[in-house]
Amino acid sequence: MPRSKSRRKRKKTNARANPAHGGESESIAWGASAGKGKAAAARSRQRSMPWKPILGTAAIVLVAAAVWWWWDPRQAAEDFETLAATGAATLDRVETMRDEGGGHVPQGQDVPYQSDPPTSGPHWPTPTRAGFYSDRQWPEALVHALEHGNIVIYYDAPGEQALATIREWTGLYGGAWDGVVATPKPGLADGIILSAWRRVLRLDSFDAAAAAAFVDRYRGRGPENAVR
């Protein structure tokens, strides 16, 4: 009897260990098989996804963006040059202002300029950078920008088209020595004032050709470092 019980126990133990008899090993084998099946299905889905069309579309978008960045500034420059040539005859209206000197004063110190807007005189060490500004810029910093060869355009409410054109010019010419600065000046209404070092052009309303001619004539020709 004891030997018979021992044989029955061994048979039960073997049954649990043998996958053919449905023990724990069978469960593990099934889980591994299911995992392989899921992995195969995932690889199949990846192969079926339209990667080539997506990559092709992305390439087209990148090429289009590159073409735009290459073409648009050049077209804007050509349009500007055409305007400047058209408005060249209006440059006889440019005022030559008295020389108020130069040199630096401490940053933040007020300077009593004799002309409005000022086109020369003592100024702050830090100039206004080229760009389109929605807030008024300090005259002491603007004068330093003029000394560098920048053009300053003062505007108030000349209309959306005029503002768009001026904004385009500030984007087109953003150099430290030949840039364009646009800053508000309340009270001009639809008028525009353009200034360079000791030069001013006042327009009762925005004249793109006259303004372009002024910018083209005096931009980059400041007394500190003429680059044109």
Protein backbone atom coordinates (compact mmCIF):
# COMPACT_ATOMS: atom_id res chain seq x y z
CA MET A 1 0.00 0.00 0.00
CA PRO A 2 2.63 2.65 0.84
CA ARG A 3 4.45 1.97 -2.40
CA SER A 4 1.23 2.36 -4.44
CA LYS A 5 0.49 5.75 -2.87
CA SER A 6 4.00 6.87 -3.65
CA ARG A 7 3.59 5.98 -7.32
CA ARG A 8 0.25 7.86 -7.50
CA LYS A 9 1.88 10.99 -6.02
CA ARG A 10 4.68 10.85 -8.57
CA LYS A 11 2.14 10.58 -11.41
CA LYS A 12 0.27 13.71 -10.16
CA THR A 13 3.52 15.60 -9.87
CA ASN A 14 4.53 14.65 -13.41
CA ALA A 15 1.12 15.68 -14.69
CA ARG A 16 1.57 19.23 -13.31
CA ALA A 17 5.01 19.48 -14.86
CA ASN A 18 4.04 18.08 -18.26
CA PRO A 19 2.29 20.58 -20.59
CA ALA A 20 0.36 17.76 -22.16
CA HIS A 21 -1.59 17.35 -18.94
CA GLY A 22 -2.67 20.99 -18.61
CA GLY A 23 -0.61 22.31 -15.68
CA GLU A 24 1.14 25.65 -15.05
CA SER A 25 3.61 25.07 -17.87
CA GLU A 26 0.76 25.04 -20.35
CA SER A 27 -0.37 28.48 -19.18
CA ILE A 28 3.13 29.92 -19.62
CA ALA A 29 3.46 28.44 -23.10
CA TRP A 30 0.14 29.97 -24.14
CA GLY A 31 1.15 33.42 -22.86
CA ALA A 32 4.43 33.36 -24.81
CA SER A 33 2.60 32.33 -27.96
CA ALA A 34 0.09 35.16 -27.52
CA GLY A 35 2.91 37.67 -27.01
CA LYS A 36 4.56 36.59 -30.26
CA GLY A 37 1.24 36.95 -32.03
CA LYS A 38 0.76 40.52 -30.77
CA ALA A 39 4.28 41.48 -31.80
CA ALA A 40 3.72 40.06 -35.27
CA ALA A 41 0.44 41.97 -35.57
CA ALA A 42 2.16 45.22 -34.50
CA ARG A 43 4.88 44.72 -37.11
CA SER A 44 2.21 44.08 -39.71
CA ARG A 45 0.39 47.31 -38.81
CA GLN A 46 3.64 49.28 -39.01
CA ARG A 47 4.34 47.87 -42.46
CA SER A 48 0.84 48.76 -43.58
CA MET A 49 1.05 52.43 -42.46
CA PRO A 50 1.55 54.90 -45.33
CA TRP A 51 5.00 56.15 -44.29
CA LYS A 52 6.12 56.95 -47.80
CA PRO A 53 3.19 59.32 -48.58
CA ILE A 54 3.67 61.04 -45.22
CA LEU A 55 7.39 61.51 -45.78
CA GLY A 56 6.73 62.71 -49.31
CA THR A 57 4.26 65.34 -48.09
CA ALA A 58 6.68 66.52 -45.40
CA ALA A 59 9.42 66.89 -48.02
CA ILE A 60 7.14 68.97 -50.24
CA VAL A 61 6.27 71.28 -47.31
CA LEU A 62 9.94 71.76 -46.45
CA VAL A 63 10.86 72.53 -50.04
CA ALA A 64 7.99 75.02 -50.32
CA ALA A 65 9.09 76.75 -47.10
CA ALA A 66 12.68 76.97 -48.36
CA VAL A 67 11.54 78.46 -51.66
CA TRP A 68 9.42 81.03 -49.83
CA TRP A 69 12.28 82.10 -47.58
CA TRP A 70 14.58 82.39 -50.61
CA TRP A 71 12.15 84.16 -52.90
CA ASP A 72 10.12 86.52 -50.73
CA PRO A 73 12.93 88.80 -49.40
CA ARG A 74 14.39 89.12 -52.88
CA GLN A 75 11.03 90.05 -54.31
CA ALA A 76 10.50 92.57 -51.51
CA ALA A 77 13.94 94.07 -52.21
CA GLU A 78 13.15 94.36 -55.91
CA ASP A 79 9.82 96.04 -55.16
CA PHE A 80 11.58 98.44 -52.81
CA GLU A 81 14.20 99.37 -55.39
CA THR A 82 11.47 100.04 -57.94
CA LEU A 83 9.68 102.33 -55.49
CA ALA A 84 12.92 104.13 -54.62
CA ALA A 85 13.67 104.82 -58.28
CA THR A 86 10.14 106.12 -58.79
CA GLY A 87 10.36 108.48 -55.84
CA ALA A 88 13.86 109.82 -56.42
CA ALA A 89 12.51 113.15 -57.69
CA THR A 90 10.96 113.90 -54.28
CA LEU A 91 14.33 114.00 -52.51
CA ASP A 92 14.58 117.74 -53.14
CA ARG A 93 12.07 118.07 -50.28
CA VAL A 94 14.53 116.63 -47.76
CA GLU A 95 15.53 119.07 -45.01
CA THR A 96 19.12 119.36 -43.85
CA MET A 97 19.18 119.98 -40.09
CA ARG A 98 21.77 121.85 -38.03
CA ASP A 99 24.52 119.79 -36.47
CA GLU A 100 23.89 119.43 -32.72
CA GLY A 101 27.08 117.49 -32.11
CA GLY A 102 27.40 113.98 -30.80
CA GLY A 103 29.03 111.92 -28.10
CA HIS A 104 27.61 109.80 -25.31
CA VAL A 105 25.77 110.85 -22.18
CA PRO A 106 24.91 108.50 -19.31
CA GLN A 107 22.16 106.03 -20.11
CA GLY A 108 18.84 107.50 -19.00
CA GLN A 109 19.93 111.15 -19.03
CA ASP A 110 17.60 113.56 -20.84
CA VAL A 111 19.03 115.54 -23.75
CA PRO A 112 17.40 118.89 -24.72
CA TYR A 113 17.43 118.52 -28.49
CA GLN A 114 16.83 121.60 -30.60
CA SER A 115 14.90 119.87 -33.38
CA ASP A 116 11.87 117.59 -33.40
CA PRO A 117 12.53 114.87 -34.22
CA PRO A 118 16.22 115.09 -33.35
CA THR A 119 18.69 114.06 -36.02
CA SER A 120 22.01 114.64 -34.22
CA GLY A 121 23.36 115.53 -30.82
CA PRO A 122 24.52 113.77 -27.66
CA HIS A 123 22.92 110.38 -27.13
CA TRP A 124 22.80 107.26 -24.98
CA PRO A 125 25.49 104.58 -25.36
CA THR A 126 22.90 101.97 -26.42
CA PRO A 127 21.13 102.61 -29.75
CA THR A 128 17.64 101.49 -30.68
CA ARG A 129 17.84 98.32 -32.74
CA ALA A 130 16.27 98.11 -36.16
CA GLY A 131 12.69 96.89 -36.08
CA PHE A 132 9.03 97.84 -35.93
CA TYR A 133 7.96 99.16 -32.51
CA SER A 134 4.45 99.64 -31.15
CA ASP A 135 5.73 101.71 -28.19
CA ARG A 136 7.51 105.04 -28.43
CA GLN A 137 11.29 104.78 -28.35
CA TRP A 138 13.55 107.17 -26.47
CA PRO A 139 14.96 109.96 -28.67
CA GLU A 140 18.41 109.62 -27.07
CA ALA A 141 18.58 106.02 -28.26
CA LEU A 142 17.11 106.85 -31.68
CA VAL A 143 19.78 109.50 -32.32
CA HIS A 144 22.46 106.89 -31.69
CA ALA A 145 20.69 104.64 -34.23
CA LEU A 146 20.86 107.50 -36.74
CA GLU A 147 24.58 107.93 -36.06
CA HIS A 148 25.01 104.25 -36.92
CA GLY A 149 23.39 104.80 -40.31
CA ASN A 150 19.87 103.64 -39.51
CA ILE A 151 16.71 105.31 -40.77
CA VAL A 152 13.98 106.17 -38.27
CA ILE A 153 10.38 106.29 -39.49
CA TYR A 154 7.84 108.01 -37.22
CA TYR A 155 4.20 107.03 -37.66
CA ASP A 156 0.84 107.55 -35.99
CA ALA A 157 -2.21 106.30 -37.93
CA PRO A 158 -1.30 106.19 -41.62
CA GLY A 159 -3.52 103.19 -42.41
CA GLU A 160 -3.08 99.44 -42.47
CA GLN A 161 -1.44 99.29 -45.90
CA ALA A 162 1.13 101.91 -44.96
CA LEU A 163 1.93 100.15 -41.70
CA ALA A 164 2.29 96.83 -43.50
CA THR A 165 4.76 98.38 -45.94
CA ILE A 166 6.79 100.03 -43.19
CA ARG A 167 6.83 96.80 -41.20
CA GLU A 168 8.09 94.96 -44.29
CA TRP A 169 10.95 97.44 -44.66
CA THR A 170 12.02 96.99 -41.04
CA GLY A 171 12.14 93.24 -41.68
CA LEU A 172 14.01 93.69 -44.94
CA TYR A 173 16.64 96.01 -43.46
CA GLY A 174 17.61 94.91 -39.98
CA GLY A 175 21.35 95.56 -39.89
CA ALA A 176 23.07 97.41 -37.07
CA TRP A 177 24.62 99.93 -39.49
CA ASP A 178 21.98 100.14 -42.22
CA GLY A 179 18.67 99.17 -40.66
CA VAL A 180 15.23 100.73 -40.46
CA VAL A 181 13.51 101.64 -37.18
CA ALA A 182 9.79 102.42 -37.00
CA THR A 183 8.39 104.05 -33.87
CA PRO A 184 5.09 105.75 -33.00
CA LYS A 185 4.86 109.51 -32.72
CA PRO A 186 1.41 110.67 -31.57
CA GLY A 187 -0.02 113.70 -33.33
CA LEU A 188 1.08 112.84 -36.87
CA ALA A 189 -2.34 111.41 -37.77
CA ASP A 190 -1.85 109.93 -41.25
CA GLY A 191 1.44 111.75 -41.76
CA ILE A 192 4.92 110.20 -41.74
CA ILE A 193 8.33 111.57 -40.77
CA LEU A 194 11.53 109.91 -41.96
CA SER A 195 14.86 110.83 -40.42
CA ALA A 196 18.51 110.07 -41.01
CA TRP A 197 21.59 111.72 -39.50
CA ARG A 198 20.90 115.46 -40.03
CA ARG A 199 18.20 114.71 -42.62
CA VAL A 200 14.39 114.81 -42.40
CA LEU A 201 11.56 114.16 -44.85
CA ARG A 202 8.03 115.09 -43.74
CA LEU A 203 5.06 113.59 -45.58
CA ASP A 204 1.48 114.70 -44.97
CA SER A 205 0.35 111.19 -45.91
CA PHE A 206 2.24 108.02 -46.64
CA ASP A 207 3.93 108.11 -50.05
CA ALA A 208 5.64 104.75 -50.51
CA ALA A 209 7.81 105.94 -53.41
CA ALA A 210 9.04 109.08 -51.63
CA ALA A 211 9.66 107.18 -48.39
CA ALA A 212 11.55 104.41 -50.20
CA ALA A 213 13.71 106.97 -51.99
CA PHE A 214 14.68 108.56 -48.66
CA VAL A 215 15.49 105.20 -47.07
CA ASP A 216 17.54 104.15 -50.08
CA ARG A 217 19.48 107.42 -50.23
CA TYR A 218 20.54 107.66 -46.58
CA ARG A 219 20.44 104.12 -45.17
CA GLY A 220 23.90 102.84 -44.20
CA ARG A 221 25.54 106.26 -44.51
CA GLY A 222 25.85 107.29 -40.88
CA PRO A 223 28.92 109.24 -39.70
CA GLU A 224 30.16 106.53 -37.33
CA ASN A 225 30.54 103.68 -39.82
CA ALA A 226 29.26 104.21 -43.36
CA VAL A 227 28.64 100.85 -45.05
CA ARG A 228 27.09 102.01 -48.32
